[in-house]
Amino acid sequence: MILELLTFLLGVIYGYSRKGKEDLLGILKAALKFSIILGIILAIASFLIFPHPAVLFLAGVGFFAILFVILYFAVIFLIGVVIGDLLERI
């Protein structure tokens, strides 16, 4: 819970400190690209380190877990950015 709150507060600070409206879709696309690349790298690395057929399945599950976690925090950050933009207008 603390990590989510910290991510949210960083989003509010980011949205408030930068002038103008932020490119929310651009931030979400960057998070998606980062999570896909990181998920693929870690899935391949885990399969190469532990070459077993079951690890291939677990590597795929790990890929989607990393994708979900990074997108989860990106959405929390984006909500903070939107609130920071609203506070900036006040």
N, C-alpha and C. Protein backbone atom coordinates (compact mmCIF):
# COMPACT_ATOMS: atom_id res chain seq x y z
N MET A 1 0.82 -1.19 0.00
CA MET A 1 0.00 0.00 0.00
C MET A 1 0.87 1.26 0.00
N ILE A 2 1.99 1.19 0.67
CA ILE A 2 2.88 2.35 0.73
C ILE A 2 3.46 2.64 -0.65
N LEU A 3 3.79 1.58 -1.39
CA LEU A 3 4.35 1.77 -2.72
C LEU A 3 3.33 2.41 -3.67
N GLU A 4 2.07 2.01 -3.55
CA GLU A 4 1.03 2.62 -4.37
C GLU A 4 0.83 4.09 -4.01
N LEU A 5 0.84 4.38 -2.72
CA LEU A 5 0.69 5.77 -2.26
C LEU A 5 1.86 6.62 -2.73
N LEU A 6 3.07 6.08 -2.66
CA LEU A 6 4.25 6.80 -3.12
C LEU A 6 4.17 7.05 -4.63
N THR A 7 3.73 6.06 -5.38
CA THR A 7 3.57 6.22 -6.83
C THR A 7 2.53 7.29 -7.14
N PHE A 8 1.43 7.28 -6.40
CA PHE A 8 0.39 8.28 -6.59
C PHE A 8 0.91 9.68 -6.27
N LEU A 9 1.62 9.82 -5.16
CA LEU A 9 2.15 11.13 -4.79
C LEU A 9 3.19 11.63 -5.80
N LEU A 10 4.01 10.73 -6.31
CA LEU A 10 4.95 11.13 -7.36
C LEU A 10 4.21 11.60 -8.61
N GLY A 11 3.10 10.95 -8.93
CA GLY A 11 2.29 11.39 -10.06
C GLY A 11 1.71 12.77 -9.84
N VAL A 12 1.22 13.03 -8.63
CA VAL A 12 0.67 14.35 -8.32
C VAL A 12 1.77 15.41 -8.42
N ILE A 13 2.93 15.12 -7.87
CA ILE A 13 4.04 16.08 -7.93
C ILE A 13 4.46 16.31 -9.38
N TYR A 14 4.53 15.25 -10.16
CA TYR A 14 4.92 15.36 -11.57
C TYR A 14 3.90 16.21 -12.34
N GLY A 15 2.62 15.94 -12.14
CA GLY A 15 1.58 16.69 -12.83
C GLY A 15 1.52 18.14 -12.40
N TYR A 16 1.77 18.40 -11.12
CA TYR A 16 1.71 19.77 -10.62
C TYR A 16 2.93 20.58 -11.03
N SER A 17 4.09 19.96 -11.05
CA SER A 17 5.32 20.71 -11.29
C SER A 17 5.56 21.03 -12.76
N ARG A 18 5.01 20.25 -13.67
CA ARG A 18 5.22 20.50 -15.10
C ARG A 18 4.12 21.40 -15.63
N LYS A 19 4.52 22.38 -16.41
CA LYS A 19 3.56 23.34 -16.96
C LYS A 19 2.74 22.68 -18.06
N GLY A 20 1.48 23.04 -18.13
CA GLY A 20 0.60 22.54 -19.18
C GLY A 20 0.08 21.14 -18.88
N LYS A 21 -0.76 20.68 -19.79
CA LYS A 21 -1.36 19.36 -19.64
C LYS A 21 -0.37 18.30 -20.11
N GLU A 22 -0.29 17.20 -19.37
CA GLU A 22 0.66 16.14 -19.69
C GLU A 22 0.09 15.20 -20.75
N ASP A 23 0.97 14.54 -21.47
CA ASP A 23 0.59 13.55 -22.48
C ASP A 23 0.38 12.21 -21.78
N LEU A 24 -0.84 11.98 -21.32
CA LEU A 24 -1.13 10.78 -20.54
C LEU A 24 -0.99 9.52 -21.38
N LEU A 25 -1.44 9.58 -22.63
CA LEU A 25 -1.34 8.41 -23.50
C LEU A 25 0.12 8.08 -23.79
N GLY A 26 0.95 9.10 -23.93
CA GLY A 26 2.38 8.88 -24.15
C GLY A 26 3.04 8.21 -22.96
N ILE A 27 2.65 8.61 -21.75
CA ILE A 27 3.20 7.99 -20.55
C ILE A 27 2.76 6.53 -20.47
N LEU A 28 1.49 6.26 -20.78
CA LEU A 28 0.99 4.89 -20.74
C LEU A 28 1.65 4.01 -21.80
N LYS A 29 1.88 4.56 -23.00
CA LYS A 29 2.56 3.81 -24.06
C LYS A 29 4.00 3.49 -23.66
N ALA A 30 4.67 4.44 -23.02
CA ALA A 30 6.05 4.20 -22.58
C ALA A 30 6.08 3.09 -21.52
N ALA A 31 5.13 3.10 -20.61
CA ALA A 31 5.06 2.05 -19.60
C ALA A 31 4.78 0.69 -20.23
N LEU A 32 3.92 0.66 -21.24
CA LEU A 32 3.62 -0.60 -21.92
C LEU A 32 4.84 -1.14 -22.65
N LYS A 33 5.56 -0.27 -23.35
CA LYS A 33 6.78 -0.70 -24.04
C LYS A 33 7.81 -1.22 -23.05
N PHE A 34 8.00 -0.49 -21.96
CA PHE A 34 8.97 -0.89 -20.94
C PHE A 34 8.61 -2.24 -20.34
N SER A 35 7.33 -2.45 -20.04
CA SER A 35 6.93 -3.71 -19.41
C SER A 35 7.07 -4.88 -20.37
N ILE A 36 6.77 -4.69 -21.64
CA ILE A 36 6.91 -5.78 -22.61
C ILE A 36 8.38 -6.15 -22.77
N ILE A 37 9.24 -5.17 -22.90
CA ILE A 37 10.67 -5.44 -23.07
C ILE A 37 11.23 -6.13 -21.82
N LEU A 38 10.91 -5.61 -20.65
CA LEU A 38 11.40 -6.20 -19.41
C LEU A 38 10.86 -7.62 -19.22
N GLY A 39 9.59 -7.83 -19.53
CA GLY A 39 9.00 -9.16 -19.41
C GLY A 39 9.65 -10.17 -20.33
N ILE A 40 9.92 -9.78 -21.58
CA ILE A 40 10.58 -10.69 -22.52
C ILE A 40 11.99 -11.02 -22.06
N ILE A 41 12.74 -10.01 -21.64
CA ILE A 41 14.12 -10.24 -21.19
C ILE A 41 14.15 -11.18 -19.99
N LEU A 42 13.30 -10.95 -19.01
CA LEU A 42 13.30 -11.80 -17.82
C LEU A 42 12.78 -13.20 -18.12
N ALA A 43 11.80 -13.32 -19.03
CA ALA A 43 11.30 -14.65 -19.40
C ALA A 43 12.37 -15.46 -20.11
N ILE A 44 13.09 -14.85 -21.04
CA ILE A 44 14.16 -15.55 -21.75
C ILE A 44 15.30 -15.90 -20.79
N ALA A 45 15.65 -14.97 -19.92
CA ALA A 45 16.73 -15.23 -18.97
C ALA A 45 16.38 -16.38 -18.03
N SER A 46 15.15 -16.42 -17.55
CA SER A 46 14.77 -17.51 -16.64
C SER A 46 14.75 -18.85 -17.36
N PHE A 47 14.38 -18.86 -18.64
CA PHE A 47 14.39 -20.12 -19.38
C PHE A 47 15.81 -20.57 -19.67
N LEU A 48 16.71 -19.63 -19.93
CA LEU A 48 18.10 -20.01 -20.19
C LEU A 48 18.82 -20.48 -18.93
N ILE A 49 18.47 -19.90 -17.80
CA ILE A 49 19.10 -20.29 -16.54
C ILE A 49 18.58 -21.65 -16.07
N PHE A 50 17.28 -21.86 -16.20
CA PHE A 50 16.65 -23.12 -15.78
C PHE A 50 15.96 -23.77 -16.97
N PRO A 51 16.72 -24.47 -17.85
CA PRO A 51 16.12 -25.05 -19.06
C PRO A 51 15.28 -26.30 -18.75
N HIS A 52 14.05 -26.09 -18.44
CA HIS A 52 13.12 -27.18 -18.17
C HIS A 52 11.78 -26.78 -18.80
N PRO A 53 11.03 -27.72 -19.36
CA PRO A 53 9.76 -27.35 -20.02
C PRO A 53 8.78 -26.61 -19.12
N ALA A 54 8.75 -26.95 -17.84
CA ALA A 54 7.84 -26.25 -16.93
C ALA A 54 8.24 -24.79 -16.75
N VAL A 55 9.53 -24.52 -16.87
CA VAL A 55 10.01 -23.15 -16.71
C VAL A 55 9.52 -22.28 -17.86
N LEU A 56 9.35 -22.86 -19.03
CA LEU A 56 8.82 -22.10 -20.17
C LEU A 56 7.43 -21.57 -19.84
N PHE A 57 6.61 -22.42 -19.24
CA PHE A 57 5.27 -21.98 -18.83
C PHE A 57 5.36 -20.89 -17.76
N LEU A 58 6.23 -21.11 -16.79
CA LEU A 58 6.38 -20.12 -15.72
C LEU A 58 6.96 -18.81 -16.24
N ALA A 59 7.82 -18.90 -17.26
CA ALA A 59 8.37 -17.67 -17.85
C ALA A 59 7.26 -16.88 -18.53
N GLY A 60 6.35 -17.57 -19.19
CA GLY A 60 5.21 -16.89 -19.81
C GLY A 60 4.31 -16.24 -18.77
N VAL A 61 4.08 -16.95 -17.68
CA VAL A 61 3.28 -16.39 -16.59
C VAL A 61 3.99 -15.18 -16.00
N GLY A 62 5.30 -15.29 -15.83
CA GLY A 62 6.07 -14.17 -15.30
C GLY A 62 6.03 -12.96 -16.21
N PHE A 63 6.03 -13.20 -17.53
CA PHE A 63 5.93 -12.10 -18.49
C PHE A 63 4.64 -11.32 -18.27
N PHE A 64 3.53 -12.04 -18.16
CA PHE A 64 2.25 -11.36 -17.98
C PHE A 64 2.13 -10.73 -16.60
N ALA A 65 2.78 -11.33 -15.60
CA ALA A 65 2.77 -10.73 -14.26
C ALA A 65 3.52 -9.41 -14.26
N ILE A 66 4.67 -9.37 -14.92
CA ILE A 66 5.44 -8.12 -14.99
C ILE A 66 4.66 -7.07 -15.77
N LEU A 67 4.04 -7.48 -16.87
CA LEU A 67 3.22 -6.57 -17.67
C LEU A 67 2.10 -5.97 -16.82
N PHE A 68 1.41 -6.81 -16.06
CA PHE A 68 0.31 -6.34 -15.24
C PHE A 68 0.78 -5.39 -14.14
N VAL A 69 1.86 -5.74 -13.47
CA VAL A 69 2.35 -4.91 -12.35
C VAL A 69 2.79 -3.54 -12.83
N ILE A 70 3.53 -3.49 -13.92
CA ILE A 70 4.00 -2.19 -14.42
C ILE A 70 2.83 -1.34 -14.90
N LEU A 71 1.87 -1.96 -15.59
CA LEU A 71 0.70 -1.19 -16.03
C LEU A 71 -0.16 -0.74 -14.84
N TYR A 72 -0.22 -1.55 -13.80
CA TYR A 72 -0.95 -1.19 -12.59
C TYR A 72 -0.37 0.08 -11.97
N PHE A 73 0.95 0.11 -11.83
CA PHE A 73 1.59 1.29 -11.25
C PHE A 73 1.55 2.48 -12.21
N ALA A 74 1.56 2.22 -13.51
CA ALA A 74 1.45 3.32 -14.48
C ALA A 74 0.09 3.98 -14.38
N VAL A 75 -0.96 3.20 -14.20
CA VAL A 75 -2.30 3.77 -14.07
C VAL A 75 -2.41 4.58 -12.78
N ILE A 76 -1.86 4.08 -11.69
CA ILE A 76 -1.86 4.85 -10.44
C ILE A 76 -1.09 6.16 -10.63
N PHE A 77 0.04 6.10 -11.30
CA PHE A 77 0.83 7.30 -11.58
C PHE A 77 0.03 8.28 -12.43
N LEU A 78 -0.67 7.77 -13.46
CA LEU A 78 -1.45 8.64 -14.34
C LEU A 78 -2.60 9.31 -13.60
N ILE A 79 -3.22 8.61 -12.67
CA ILE A 79 -4.28 9.22 -11.87
C ILE A 79 -3.69 10.37 -11.05
N GLY A 80 -2.50 10.16 -10.50
CA GLY A 80 -1.82 11.22 -9.77
C GLY A 80 -1.47 12.40 -10.66
N VAL A 81 -1.06 12.12 -11.90
CA VAL A 81 -0.73 13.20 -12.84
C VAL A 81 -1.97 14.02 -13.17
N VAL A 82 -3.10 13.36 -13.36
CA VAL A 82 -4.35 14.08 -13.65
C VAL A 82 -4.72 14.97 -12.48
N ILE A 83 -4.61 14.47 -11.27
CA ILE A 83 -4.93 15.28 -10.09
C ILE A 83 -3.93 16.43 -9.95
N GLY A 84 -2.65 16.17 -10.24
CA GLY A 84 -1.65 17.24 -10.21
C GLY A 84 -1.94 18.32 -11.23
N ASP A 85 -2.40 17.92 -12.43
CA ASP A 85 -2.78 18.90 -13.45
C ASP A 85 -3.98 19.73 -12.99
N LEU A 86 -4.93 19.08 -12.33
CA LEU A 86 -6.09 19.82 -11.82
C LEU A 86 -5.67 20.80 -10.73
N LEU A 87 -4.76 20.40 -9.85
CA LEU A 87 -4.27 21.30 -8.81
C LEU A 87 -3.49 22.47 -9.40
N GLU A 88 -2.80 22.22 -10.50
CA GLU A 88 -2.03 23.28 -11.15
C GLU A 88 -2.96 24.36 -11.71
N ARG A 89 -4.12 23.96 -12.19
CA ARG A 89 -5.07 24.93 -12.76
C ARG A 89 -5.72 25.80 -11.70
N ILE A 90 -5.80 25.30 -10.47
CA ILE A 90 -6.48 26.05 -9.40
C ILE A 90 -5.67 27.25 -8.97
